[in-house]
C-alpha atoms as a PDB file:
ATOM      1  CA  UNK A   1     -38.382 -73.406 -20.938  1.00  0.00           C
ATOM      2  CA  UNK A   2     -40.132 -74.912 -17.914  1.00  0.00           C
ATOM      3  CA  UNK A   3     -37.228 -77.296 -17.321  1.00  0.00           C
ATOM      4  CA  UNK A   4     -34.770 -74.413 -17.261  1.00  0.00           C
ATOM      5  CA  UNK A   5     -36.967 -72.326 -14.961  1.00  0.00           C
ATOM      6  CA  UNK A   6     -37.466 -75.307 -12.663  1.00  0.00           C
ATOM      7  CA  UNK A   7     -33.715 -75.986 -12.516  1.00  0.00           C
ATOM      8  CA  UNK A   8     -32.988 -72.329 -11.707  1.00  0.00           C
ATOM      9  CA  UNK A   9     -35.683 -72.229  -9.033  1.00  0.00           C
ATOM     10  CA  UNK A  10     -34.444 -75.500  -7.480  1.00  0.00           C
ATOM     11  CA  UNK A  11     -30.867 -74.229  -7.380  1.00  0.00           C
ATOM     12  CA  UNK A  12     -31.865 -70.911  -5.782  1.00  0.00           C
ATOM     13  CA  UNK A  13     -34.091 -72.633  -3.218  1.00  0.00           C
ATOM     14  CA  UNK A  14     -31.398 -75.144  -2.283  1.00  0.00           C
ATOM     15  CA  UNK A  15     -28.445 -72.771  -2.215  1.00  0.00           C
ATOM     16  CA  UNK A  16     -29.872 -69.450  -1.074  1.00  0.00           C
ATOM     17  CA  UNK A  17     -33.327 -70.035   0.421  1.00  0.00           C
ATOM     18  CA  UNK A  18     -33.186 -73.297   2.371  1.00  0.00           C
ATOM     19  CA  UNK A  19     -36.426 -73.953   4.175  1.00  0.00           C
ATOM     20  CA  UNK A  20     -38.470 -71.527   2.072  1.00  0.00           C
ATOM     21  CA  UNK A  21     -41.648 -72.759   0.459  1.00  0.00           C
ATOM     22  CA  UNK A  22     -41.036 -73.429  -3.257  1.00  0.00           C
ATOM     23  CA  UNK A  23     -44.315 -71.742  -4.223  1.00  0.00           C
ATOM     24  CA  UNK A  24     -43.014 -68.484  -2.723  1.00  0.00           C
ATOM     25  CA  UNK A  25     -40.295 -68.275  -5.388  1.00  0.00           C
ATOM     26  CA  UNK A  26     -42.141 -67.323  -8.548  1.00  0.00           C
ATOM     27  CA  UNK A  27     -40.862 -66.332 -11.957  1.00  0.00           C
ATOM     28  CA  UNK A  28     -41.226 -62.681 -10.969  1.00  0.00           C
ATOM     29  CA  UNK A  29     -39.752 -62.754  -7.458  1.00  0.00           C
ATOM     30  CA  UNK A  30     -37.042 -60.054  -7.324  1.00  0.00           C
ATOM     31  CA  UNK A  31     -33.746 -61.808  -6.683  1.00  0.00           C
ATOM     32  CA  UNK A  32     -31.160 -59.025  -6.764  1.00  0.00           C
ATOM     33  CA  UNK A  33     -33.353 -56.100  -5.756  1.00  0.00           C
ATOM     34  CA  UNK A  34     -35.042 -58.337  -3.178  1.00  0.00           C
ATOM     35  CA  UNK A  35     -31.740 -59.215  -1.520  1.00  0.00           C
ATOM     36  CA  UNK A  36     -31.790 -62.919  -2.388  1.00  0.00           C
ATOM     37  CA  UNK A  37     -28.808 -62.721  -4.746  1.00  0.00           C
ATOM     38  CA  UNK A  38     -25.756 -60.714  -3.806  1.00  0.00           C
ATOM     39  CA  UNK A  39     -22.577 -60.609  -5.899  1.00  0.00           C
ATOM     40  CA  UNK A  40     -21.214 -63.908  -4.575  1.00  0.00           C
ATOM     41  CA  UNK A  41     -24.538 -65.690  -4.935  1.00  0.00           C
ATOM     42  CA  UNK A  42     -24.828 -64.392  -8.500  1.00  0.00           C
ATOM     43  CA  UNK A  43     -21.377 -65.771  -9.327  1.00  0.00           C
ATOM     44  CA  UNK A  44     -22.383 -69.145  -7.880  1.00  0.00           C
ATOM     45  CA  UNK A  45     -25.585 -69.147  -9.949  1.00  0.00           C
ATOM     46  CA  UNK A  46     -23.688 -68.140 -13.100  1.00  0.00           C
ATOM     47  CA  UNK A  47     -21.232 -71.010 -12.559  1.00  0.00           C
ATOM     48  CA  UNK A  48     -24.115 -73.454 -12.153  1.00  0.00           C
ATOM     49  CA  UNK A  49     -25.811 -72.227 -15.345  1.00  0.00           C
ATOM     50  CA  UNK A  50     -22.612 -72.274 -17.385  1.00  0.00           C
ATOM     51  CA  UNK A  51     -21.863 -75.827 -16.287  1.00  0.00           C
ATOM     52  CA  UNK A  52     -25.451 -77.065 -16.600  1.00  0.00           C
ATOM     53  CA  UNK A  53     -26.192 -75.592 -20.028  1.00  0.00           C
ATOM     54  CA  UNK A  54     -22.772 -75.126 -21.630  1.00  0.00           C
ATOM     55  CA  UNK A  55     -23.247 -71.386 -22.078  1.00  0.00           C
ATOM     56  CA  UNK A  56     -21.028 -68.419 -21.205  1.00  0.00           C
ATOM     57  CA  UNK A  57     -22.104 -65.144 -19.672  1.00  0.00           C
ATOM     58  CA  UNK A  58     -20.384 -61.809 -20.074  1.00  0.00           C
ATOM     59  CA  UNK A  59     -19.968 -59.664 -16.936  1.00  0.00           C
ATOM     60  CA  UNK A  60     -22.516 -57.120 -18.156  1.00  0.00           C
ATOM     61  CA  UNK A  61     -25.120 -59.883 -18.496  1.00  0.00           C
ATOM     62  CA  UNK A  62     -25.081 -60.693 -14.787  1.00  0.00           C
ATOM     63  CA  UNK A  63     -26.623 -57.395 -13.725  1.00  0.00           C
ATOM     64  CA  UNK A  64     -30.076 -56.530 -12.401  1.00  0.00           C
ATOM     65  CA  UNK A  65     -31.442 -56.174 -15.952  1.00  0.00           C
ATOM     66  CA  UNK A  66     -30.691 -59.837 -16.747  1.00  0.00           C
ATOM     67  CA  UNK A  67     -30.569 -61.632 -13.382  1.00  0.00           C
ATOM     68  CA  UNK A  68     -33.279 -60.046 -11.229  1.00  0.00           C
ATOM     69  CA  UNK A  69     -35.946 -62.741 -11.713  1.00  0.00           C
ATOM     70  CA  UNK A  70     -36.103 -66.411 -12.626  1.00  0.00           C
ATOM     71  CA  UNK A  71     -37.973 -65.353 -15.782  1.00  0.00           C
ATOM     72  CA  UNK A  72     -35.157 -62.944 -16.743  1.00  0.00           C
ATOM     73  CA  UNK A  73     -32.505 -65.599 -16.189  1.00  0.00           C
ATOM     74  CA  UNK A  74     -34.477 -68.222 -18.107  1.00  0.00           C
ATOM     75  CA  UNK A  75     -34.866 -65.879 -21.077  1.00  0.00           C
ATOM     76  CA  UNK A  76     -31.143 -65.139 -21.065  1.00  0.00           C
ATOM     77  CA  UNK A  77     -30.220 -68.832 -20.948  1.00  0.00           C
ATOM     78  CA  UNK A  78     -32.671 -69.605 -23.761  1.00  0.00           C
ATOM     79  CA  UNK A  79     -31.218 -66.805 -25.898  1.00  0.00           C
ATOM     80  CA  UNK A  80     -27.775 -68.370 -25.495  1.00  0.00           C
ATOM     81  CA  UNK A  81     -28.950 -71.897 -26.228  1.00  0.00           C
ATOM     82  CA  UNK A  82     -30.543 -70.945 -29.509  1.00  0.00           C
ATOM     83  CA  UNK A  83     -33.480 -72.674 -31.174  1.00  0.00           C
ATOM     84  CA  UNK A  84     -33.927 -76.349 -30.437  1.00  0.00           C
ATOM     85  CA  UNK A  85     -31.179 -76.578 -27.795  1.00  0.00           C
ATOM     86  CA  UNK A  86     -33.231 -76.075 -24.648  1.00  0.00           C
ATOM     87  CA  UNK A  87     -33.088 -79.055 -22.308  1.00  0.00           C
END
């Protein structure tokens, strides 16, 4: 789980928050409601996750209920990986 969270945080920091302090992006930082992820940024993040973890997201899964925090996204990825597949 930590590896997935770390990968998500690193991607968001590199792509959408260059120059921000990594410790400012926590598992509970609001991404969509906080204005960090807009629709295009969300699509870019979804593409990264699908490629990185070999999972597929449905359109309804990329909403504020599933993609608003790093913790939410990590949980969604883990649910798609299934037991024992997290890397």
